[in-house]
Amino acid sequence: MGQIATITPAQYELLNMLSCLTHEEDIAALKSVIVQFLNSRLQKEIDRLWDNGDLTDEKVAQWSHEHMRTPYRPIP
């Protein structure tokens, strides 16, 4: 059946802080900051993979030929 979701202390603190955001402009600004943060983290990981040789031009070119969609099965 259903699972009971639990909130971590960090999630609780974030929810408390976010409850103060009531204007759309503030929400959009926060979203922009979060996107920039995640982009920075992703770029650092990509650079690490590239420096280690785990990511190469050949591997990126190979991805362009892969079919990565999720196979869907009909609902019985």
PDB file of N, CA and C in Angstrom:
ATOM      1  N   MET A   1       0.835  -1.179   0.000  1.00  0.00           N
ATOM      2  CA  MET A   1       0.000   0.000   0.000  1.00  0.00           C
ATOM      3  C   MET A   1       0.881   1.245   0.000  1.00  0.00           C
ATOM      4  N   GLY A   2       0.463   2.257   0.737  1.00  0.00           N
ATOM      5  CA  GLY A   2       1.181   3.525   0.747  1.00  0.00           C
ATOM      6  C   GLY A   2       2.346   3.522   1.710  1.00  0.00           C
ATOM      7  N   GLN A   3       3.304   4.365   1.439  1.00  0.00           N
ATOM      8  CA  GLN A   3       4.450   4.512   2.320  1.00  0.00           C
ATOM      9  C   GLN A   3       4.311   5.833   3.070  1.00  0.00           C
ATOM     10  N   ILE A   4       4.837   5.860   4.264  1.00  0.00           N
ATOM     11  CA  ILE A   4       4.850   7.091   5.048  1.00  0.00           C
ATOM     12  C   ILE A   4       6.155   7.812   4.732  1.00  0.00           C
ATOM     13  N   ALA A   5       6.033   9.036   4.218  1.00  0.00           N
ATOM     14  CA  ALA A   5       7.219   9.818   3.892  1.00  0.00           C
ATOM     15  C   ALA A   5       7.730  10.509   5.147  1.00  0.00           C
ATOM     16  N   THR A   6       9.027  10.500   5.310  1.00  0.00           N
ATOM     17  CA  THR A   6       9.622  11.217   6.430  1.00  0.00           C
ATOM     18  C   THR A   6      10.452  12.367   5.881  1.00  0.00           C
ATOM     19  N   ILE A   7      10.521  13.427   6.627  1.00  0.00           N
ATOM     20  CA  ILE A   7      11.278  14.610   6.221  1.00  0.00           C
ATOM     21  C   ILE A   7      12.530  14.683   7.078  1.00  0.00           C
ATOM     22  N   THR A   8      13.654  14.903   6.422  1.00  0.00           N
ATOM     23  CA  THR A   8      14.906  15.049   7.157  1.00  0.00           C
ATOM     24  C   THR A   8      14.945  16.421   7.829  1.00  0.00           C
ATOM     25  N   PRO A   9      15.796  16.583   8.816  1.00  0.00           N
ATOM     26  CA  PRO A   9      15.921  17.903   9.446  1.00  0.00           C
ATOM     27  C   PRO A   9      16.280  19.006   8.440  1.00  0.00           C
ATOM     28  N   ALA A  10      17.127  18.697   7.474  1.00  0.00           N
ATOM     29  CA  ALA A  10      17.496  19.699   6.467  1.00  0.00           C
ATOM     30  C   ALA A  10      16.286  20.075   5.615  1.00  0.00           C
ATOM     31  N   GLN A  11      15.491  19.095   5.217  1.00  0.00           N
ATOM     32  CA  GLN A  11      14.285  19.375   4.439  1.00  0.00           C
ATOM     33  C   GLN A  11      13.310  20.224   5.235  1.00  0.00           C
ATOM     34  N   TYR A  12      13.190  19.945   6.520  1.00  0.00           N
ATOM     35  CA  TYR A  12      12.295  20.703   7.391  1.00  0.00           C
ATOM     36  C   TYR A  12      12.725  22.171   7.456  1.00  0.00           C
ATOM     37  N   GLU A  13      14.027  22.397   7.616  1.00  0.00           N
ATOM     38  CA  GLU A  13      14.545  23.765   7.669  1.00  0.00           C
ATOM     39  C   GLU A  13      14.296  24.498   6.360  1.00  0.00           C
ATOM     40  N   LEU A  14      14.517  23.819   5.246  1.00  0.00           N
ATOM     41  CA  LEU A  14      14.260  24.447   3.942  1.00  0.00           C
ATOM     42  C   LEU A  14      12.791  24.793   3.773  1.00  0.00           C
ATOM     43  N   LEU A  15      11.918  23.898   4.167  1.00  0.00           N
ATOM     44  CA  LEU A  15      10.488  24.179   4.064  1.00  0.00           C
ATOM     45  C   LEU A  15      10.100  25.385   4.911  1.00  0.00           C
ATOM     46  N   ASN A  16      10.671  25.492   6.092  1.00  0.00           N
ATOM     47  CA  ASN A  16      10.400  26.656   6.932  1.00  0.00           C
ATOM     48  C   ASN A  16      10.846  27.944   6.258  1.00  0.00           C
ATOM     49  N   MET A  17      12.031  27.929   5.670  1.00  0.00           N
ATOM     50  CA  MET A  17      12.524  29.128   4.986  1.00  0.00           C
ATOM     51  C   MET A  17      11.681  29.445   3.755  1.00  0.00           C
ATOM     52  N   LEU A  18      11.306  28.425   3.010  1.00  0.00           N
ATOM     53  CA  LEU A  18      10.541  28.640   1.780  1.00  0.00           C
ATOM     54  C   LEU A  18       9.130  29.133   2.056  1.00  0.00           C
ATOM     55  N   SER A  19       8.622  28.881   3.232  1.00  0.00           N
ATOM     56  CA  SER A  19       7.268  29.335   3.548  1.00  0.00           C
ATOM     57  C   SER A  19       7.175  30.855   3.561  1.00  0.00           C
ATOM     58  N   CYS A  20       8.305  31.529   3.654  1.00  0.00           N
ATOM     59  CA  CYS A  20       8.324  32.995   3.649  1.00  0.00           C
ATOM     60  C   CYS A  20       8.229  33.570   2.235  1.00  0.00           C
ATOM     61  N   LEU A  21       8.475  32.765   1.228  1.00  0.00           N
ATOM     62  CA  LEU A  21       8.437  33.253  -0.153  1.00  0.00           C
ATOM     63  C   LEU A  21       6.997  33.255  -0.647  1.00  0.00           C
ATOM     64  N   THR A  22       6.465  34.430  -0.845  1.00  0.00           N
ATOM     65  CA  THR A  22       5.077  34.528  -1.294  1.00  0.00           C
ATOM     66  C   THR A  22       4.947  35.221  -2.644  1.00  0.00           C
ATOM     67  N   HIS A  23       5.985  35.914  -3.087  1.00  0.00           N
ATOM     68  CA  HIS A  23       5.934  36.629  -4.356  1.00  0.00           C
ATOM     69  C   HIS A  23       6.538  35.778  -5.470  1.00  0.00           C
ATOM     70  N   GLU A  24       5.899  35.807  -6.618  1.00  0.00           N
ATOM     71  CA  GLU A  24       6.376  35.025  -7.767  1.00  0.00           C
ATOM     72  C   GLU A  24       7.806  35.395  -8.149  1.00  0.00           C
ATOM     73  N   GLU A  25       8.147  36.682  -8.004  1.00  0.00           N
ATOM     74  CA  GLU A  25       9.499  37.126  -8.371  1.00  0.00           C
ATOM     75  C   GLU A  25      10.547  36.475  -7.461  1.00  0.00           C
ATOM     76  N   ASP A  26      10.219  36.349  -6.183  1.00  0.00           N
ATOM     77  CA  ASP A  26      11.152  35.712  -5.252  1.00  0.00           C
ATOM     78  C   ASP A  26      11.320  34.231  -5.565  1.00  0.00           C
ATOM     79  N   ILE A  27      10.228  33.586  -5.902  1.00  0.00           N
ATOM     80  CA  ILE A  27      10.280  32.167  -6.244  1.00  0.00           C
ATOM     81  C   ILE A  27      11.111  31.967  -7.502  1.00  0.00           C
ATOM     82  N   ALA A  28      10.915  32.827  -8.502  1.00  0.00           N
ATOM     83  CA  ALA A  28      11.687  32.739  -9.748  1.00  0.00           C
ATOM     84  C   ALA A  28      13.173  32.979  -9.476  1.00  0.00           C
ATOM     85  N   ALA A  29      13.490  33.941  -8.606  1.00  0.00           N
ATOM     86  CA  ALA A  29      14.884  34.222  -8.278  1.00  0.00           C
ATOM     87  C   ALA A  29      15.528  33.033  -7.576  1.00  0.00           C
ATOM     88  N   LEU A  30      14.805  32.425  -6.644  1.00  0.00           N
ATOM     89  CA  LEU A  30      15.330  31.254  -5.951  1.00  0.00           C
ATOM     90  C   LEU A  30      15.545  30.105  -6.923  1.00  0.00           C
ATOM     91  N   LYS A  31      14.595  29.902  -7.817  1.00  0.00           N
ATOM     92  CA  LYS A  31      14.729  28.840  -8.814  1.00  0.00           C
ATOM     93  C   LYS A  31      15.976  29.061  -9.660  1.00  0.00           C
ATOM     94  N   SER A  32      16.228  30.314 -10.038  1.00  0.00           N
ATOM     95  CA  SER A  32      17.412  30.629 -10.833  1.00  0.00           C
ATOM     96  C   SER A  32      18.696  30.302 -10.069  1.00  0.00           C
ATOM     97  N   VAL A  33      18.740  30.631  -8.790  1.00  0.00           N
ATOM     98  CA  VAL A  33      19.915  30.338  -7.969  1.00  0.00           C
ATOM     99  C   VAL A  33      20.135  28.824  -7.867  1.00  0.00           C
ATOM    100  N   ILE A  34      19.063  28.085  -7.678  1.00  0.00           N
ATOM    101  CA  ILE A  34      19.182  26.623  -7.568  1.00  0.00           C
ATOM    102  C   ILE A  34      19.656  26.020  -8.886  1.00  0.00           C
ATOM    103  N   VAL A  35      19.129  26.506  -9.998  1.00  0.00           N
ATOM    104  CA  VAL A  35      19.558  26.001 -11.306  1.00  0.00           C
ATOM    105  C   VAL A  35      21.037  26.295 -11.527  1.00  0.00           C
ATOM    106  N   GLN A  36      21.484  27.488 -11.171  1.00  0.00           N
ATOM    107  CA  GLN A  36      22.905  27.828 -11.311  1.00  0.00           C
ATOM    108  C   GLN A  36      23.774  26.936 -10.432  1.00  0.00           C
ATOM    109  N   PHE A  37      23.328  26.661  -9.211  1.00  0.00           N
ATOM    110  CA  PHE A  37      24.062  25.790  -8.302  1.00  0.00           C
ATOM    111  C   PHE A  37      24.193  24.377  -8.881  1.00  0.00           C
ATOM    112  N   LEU A  38      23.063  23.826  -9.353  1.00  0.00           N
ATOM    113  CA  LEU A  38      23.087  22.473  -9.914  1.00  0.00           C
ATOM    114  C   LEU A  38      23.919  22.414 -11.187  1.00  0.00           C
ATOM    115  N   ASN A  39      23.851  23.463 -11.997  1.00  0.00           N
ATOM    116  CA  ASN A  39      24.654  23.516 -13.211  1.00  0.00           C
ATOM    117  C   ASN A  39      26.146  23.514 -12.873  1.00  0.00           C
ATOM    118  N   SER A  40      26.517  24.268 -11.846  1.00  0.00           N
ATOM    119  CA  SER A  40      27.915  24.310 -11.419  1.00  0.00           C
ATOM    120  C   SER A  40      28.387  22.936 -10.950  1.00  0.00           C
ATOM    121  N   ARG A  41      27.561  22.261 -10.158  1.00  0.00           N
ATOM    122  CA  ARG A  41      27.903  20.917  -9.690  1.00  0.00           C
ATOM    123  C   ARG A  41      28.055  19.943 -10.855  1.00  0.00           C
ATOM    124  N   LEU A  42      27.125  20.024 -11.809  1.00  0.00           N
ATOM    125  CA  LEU A  42      27.168  19.138 -12.968  1.00  0.00           C
ATOM    126  C   LEU A  42      28.416  19.392 -13.797  1.00  0.00           C
ATOM    127  N   GLN A  43      28.752  20.667 -14.009  1.00  0.00           N
ATOM    128  CA  GLN A  43      29.935  20.996 -14.798  1.00  0.00           C
ATOM    129  C   GLN A  43      31.204  20.480 -14.129  1.00  0.00           C
ATOM    130  N   LYS A  44      31.280  20.584 -12.802  1.00  0.00           N
ATOM    131  CA  LYS A  44      32.443  20.057 -12.084  1.00  0.00           C
ATOM    132  C   LYS A  44      32.565  18.548 -12.270  1.00  0.00           C
ATOM    133  N   GLU A  45      31.427  17.844 -12.237  1.00  0.00           N
ATOM    134  CA  GLU A  45      31.455  16.389 -12.416  1.00  0.00           C
ATOM    135  C   GLU A  45      31.849  16.024 -13.847  1.00  0.00           C
ATOM    136  N   ILE A  46      31.338  16.761 -14.809  1.00  0.00           N
ATOM    137  CA  ILE A  46      31.712  16.514 -16.204  1.00  0.00           C
ATOM    138  C   ILE A  46      33.214  16.737 -16.382  1.00  0.00           C
ATOM    139  N   ASP A  47      33.732  17.827 -15.817  1.00  0.00           N
ATOM    140  CA  ASP A  47      35.170  18.098 -15.909  1.00  0.00           C
ATOM    141  C   ASP A  47      35.982  16.981 -15.262  1.00  0.00           C
ATOM    142  N   ARG A  48      35.511  16.468 -14.122  1.00  0.00           N
ATOM    143  CA  ARG A  48      36.216  15.376 -13.449  1.00  0.00           C
ATOM    144  C   ARG A  48      36.244  14.121 -14.317  1.00  0.00           C
ATOM    145  N   LEU A  49      35.092  13.795 -14.912  1.00  0.00           N
ATOM    146  CA  LEU A  49      35.023  12.621 -15.784  1.00  0.00           C
ATOM    147  C   LEU A  49      35.925  12.795 -16.999  1.00  0.00           C
ATOM    148  N   TRP A  50      35.947  14.001 -17.538  1.00  0.00           N
ATOM    149  CA  TRP A  50      36.783  14.278 -18.713  1.00  0.00           C
ATOM    150  C   TRP A  50      38.264  14.141 -18.346  1.00  0.00           C
ATOM    151  N   ASP A  51      38.651  14.718 -17.206  1.00  0.00           N
ATOM    152  CA  ASP A  51      40.046  14.662 -16.772  1.00  0.00           C
ATOM    153  C   ASP A  51      40.492  13.233 -16.475  1.00  0.00           C
ATOM    154  N   ASN A  52      39.575  12.390 -15.971  1.00  0.00           N
ATOM    155  CA  ASN A  52      39.902  10.998 -15.668  1.00  0.00           C
ATOM    156  C   ASN A  52      39.896  10.115 -16.899  1.00  0.00           C
ATOM    157  N   GLY A  53      39.393  10.628 -18.017  1.00  0.00           N
ATOM    158  CA  GLY A  53      39.311   9.828 -19.231  1.00  0.00           C
ATOM    159  C   GLY A  53      38.053   8.984 -19.315  1.00  0.00           C
ATOM    160  N   ASP A  54      37.152   9.127 -18.350  1.00  0.00           N
ATOM    161  CA  ASP A  54      35.897   8.377 -18.384  1.00  0.00           C
ATOM    162  C   ASP A  54      34.929   8.951 -19.414  1.00  0.00           C
ATOM    163  N   LEU A  55      35.130  10.216 -19.773  1.00  0.00           N
ATOM    164  CA  LEU A  55      34.294  10.878 -20.764  1.00  0.00           C
ATOM    165  C   LEU A  55      35.199  11.372 -21.874  1.00  0.00           C
ATOM    166  N   THR A  56      34.882  10.974 -23.113  1.00  0.00           N
ATOM    167  CA  THR A  56      35.707  11.341 -24.266  1.00  0.00           C
ATOM    168  C   THR A  56      34.820  11.806 -25.407  1.00  0.00           C
ATOM    169  N   ASP A  57      35.448  12.404 -26.420  1.00  0.00           N
ATOM    170  CA  ASP A  57      34.702  12.811 -27.612  1.00  0.00           C
ATOM    171  C   ASP A  57      34.024  11.611 -28.264  1.00  0.00           C
ATOM    172  N   GLU A  58      34.706  10.483 -28.265  1.00  0.00           N
ATOM    173  CA  GLU A  58      34.151   9.284 -28.886  1.00  0.00           C
ATOM    174  C   GLU A  58      32.898   8.810 -28.147  1.00  0.00           C
ATOM    175  N   LYS A  59      32.935   8.848 -26.821  1.00  0.00           N
ATOM    176  CA  LYS A  59      31.789   8.404 -26.034  1.00  0.00           C
ATOM    177  C   LYS A  59      30.593   9.333 -26.260  1.00  0.00           C
ATOM    178  N   VAL A  60      30.847  10.631 -26.319  1.00  0.00           N
ATOM    179  CA  VAL A  60      29.770  11.596 -26.562  1.00  0.00           C
ATOM    180  C   VAL A  60      29.185  11.371 -27.949  1.00  0.00           C
ATOM    181  N   ALA A  61      30.034  11.132 -28.948  1.00  0.00           N
ATOM    182  CA  ALA A  61      29.551  10.865 -30.307  1.00  0.00           C
ATOM    183  C   ALA A  61      28.733   9.581 -30.343  1.00  0.00           C
ATOM    184  N   GLN A  62      29.130   8.576 -29.575  1.00  0.00           N
ATOM    185  CA  GLN A  62      28.405   7.308 -29.518  1.00  0.00           C
ATOM    186  C   GLN A  62      26.998   7.514 -28.966  1.00  0.00           C
ATOM    187  N   TRP A  63      26.839   8.414 -27.988  1.00  0.00           N
ATOM    188  CA  TRP A  63      25.530   8.676 -27.402  1.00  0.00           C
ATOM    189  C   TRP A  63      24.534   9.184 -28.429  1.00  0.00           C
ATOM    190  N   SER A  64      25.025   9.886 -29.448  1.00  0.00           N
ATOM    191  CA  SER A  64      24.101  10.445 -30.438  1.00  0.00           C
ATOM    192  C   SER A  64      23.419   9.352 -31.262  1.00  0.00           C
ATOM    193  N   HIS A  65      23.942   8.138 -31.200  1.00  0.00           N
ATOM    194  CA  HIS A  65      23.355   7.025 -31.959  1.00  0.00           C
ATOM    195  C   HIS A  65      22.550   6.072 -31.070  1.00  0.00           C
ATOM    196  N   GLU A  66      22.505   6.332 -29.776  1.00  0.00           N
ATOM    197  CA  GLU A  66      21.796   5.439 -28.852  1.00  0.00           C
ATOM    198  C   GLU A  66      20.331   5.812 -28.759  1.00  0.00           C
ATOM    199  N   HIS A  67      19.525   4.796 -28.574  1.00  0.00           N
ATOM    200  CA  HIS A  67      18.099   4.978 -28.343  1.00  0.00           C
ATOM    201  C   HIS A  67      17.884   4.777 -26.847  1.00  0.00           C
ATOM    202  N   MET A  68      17.689   5.882 -26.116  1.00  0.00           N
ATOM    203  CA  MET A  68      17.684   5.807 -24.660  1.00  0.00           C
ATOM    204  C   MET A  68      16.293   6.005 -24.068  1.00  0.00           C
ATOM    205  N   ARG A  69      15.261   5.914 -24.869  1.00  0.00           N
ATOM    206  CA  ARG A  69      13.917   6.081 -24.332  1.00  0.00           C
ATOM    207  C   ARG A  69      13.504   4.875 -23.517  1.00  0.00           C
ATOM    208  N   THR A  70      12.635   5.113 -22.569  1.00  0.00           N
ATOM    209  CA  THR A  70      12.128   4.027 -21.727  1.00  0.00           C
ATOM    210  C   THR A  70      11.152   3.180 -22.546  1.00  0.00           C
ATOM    211  N   PRO A  71      11.355   1.857 -22.574  1.00  0.00           N
ATOM    212  CA  PRO A  71      10.391   1.017 -23.282  1.00  0.00           C
ATOM    213  C   PRO A  71       9.103   0.911 -22.443  1.00  0.00           C
ATOM    214  N   TYR A  72       8.010   1.199 -23.069  1.00  0.00           N
ATOM    215  CA  TYR A  72       6.731   1.133 -22.369  1.00  0.00           C
ATOM    216  C   TYR A  72       5.994  -0.143 -22.763  1.00  0.00           C
ATOM    217  N   ARG A  73       5.392  -0.751 -21.765  1.00  0.00           N
ATOM    218  CA  ARG A  73       4.593  -1.948 -22.017  1.00  0.00           C
ATOM    219  C   ARG A  73       3.127  -1.568 -21.904  1.00  0.00           C
ATOM    220  N   PRO A  74       2.295  -2.197 -22.695  1.00  0.00           N
ATOM    221  CA  PRO A  74       0.861  -1.928 -22.560  1.00  0.00           C
ATOM    222  C   PRO A  74       0.359  -2.328 -21.185  1.00  0.00           C
ATOM    223  N   ILE A  75      -0.542  -1.557 -20.660  1.00  0.00           N
ATOM    224  CA  ILE A  75      -1.139  -1.883 -19.363  1.00  0.00           C
ATOM    225  C   ILE A  75      -2.113  -3.039 -19.572  1.00  0.00           C
ATOM    226  N   PRO A  76      -1.947  -4.125 -18.796  1.00  0.00           N
ATOM    227  CA  PRO A  76      -2.838  -5.285 -18.979  1.00  0.00           C
ATOM    228  C   PRO A  76      -4.246  -4.992 -18.519  1.00  0.00           C
TER     229      PRO A  76
END
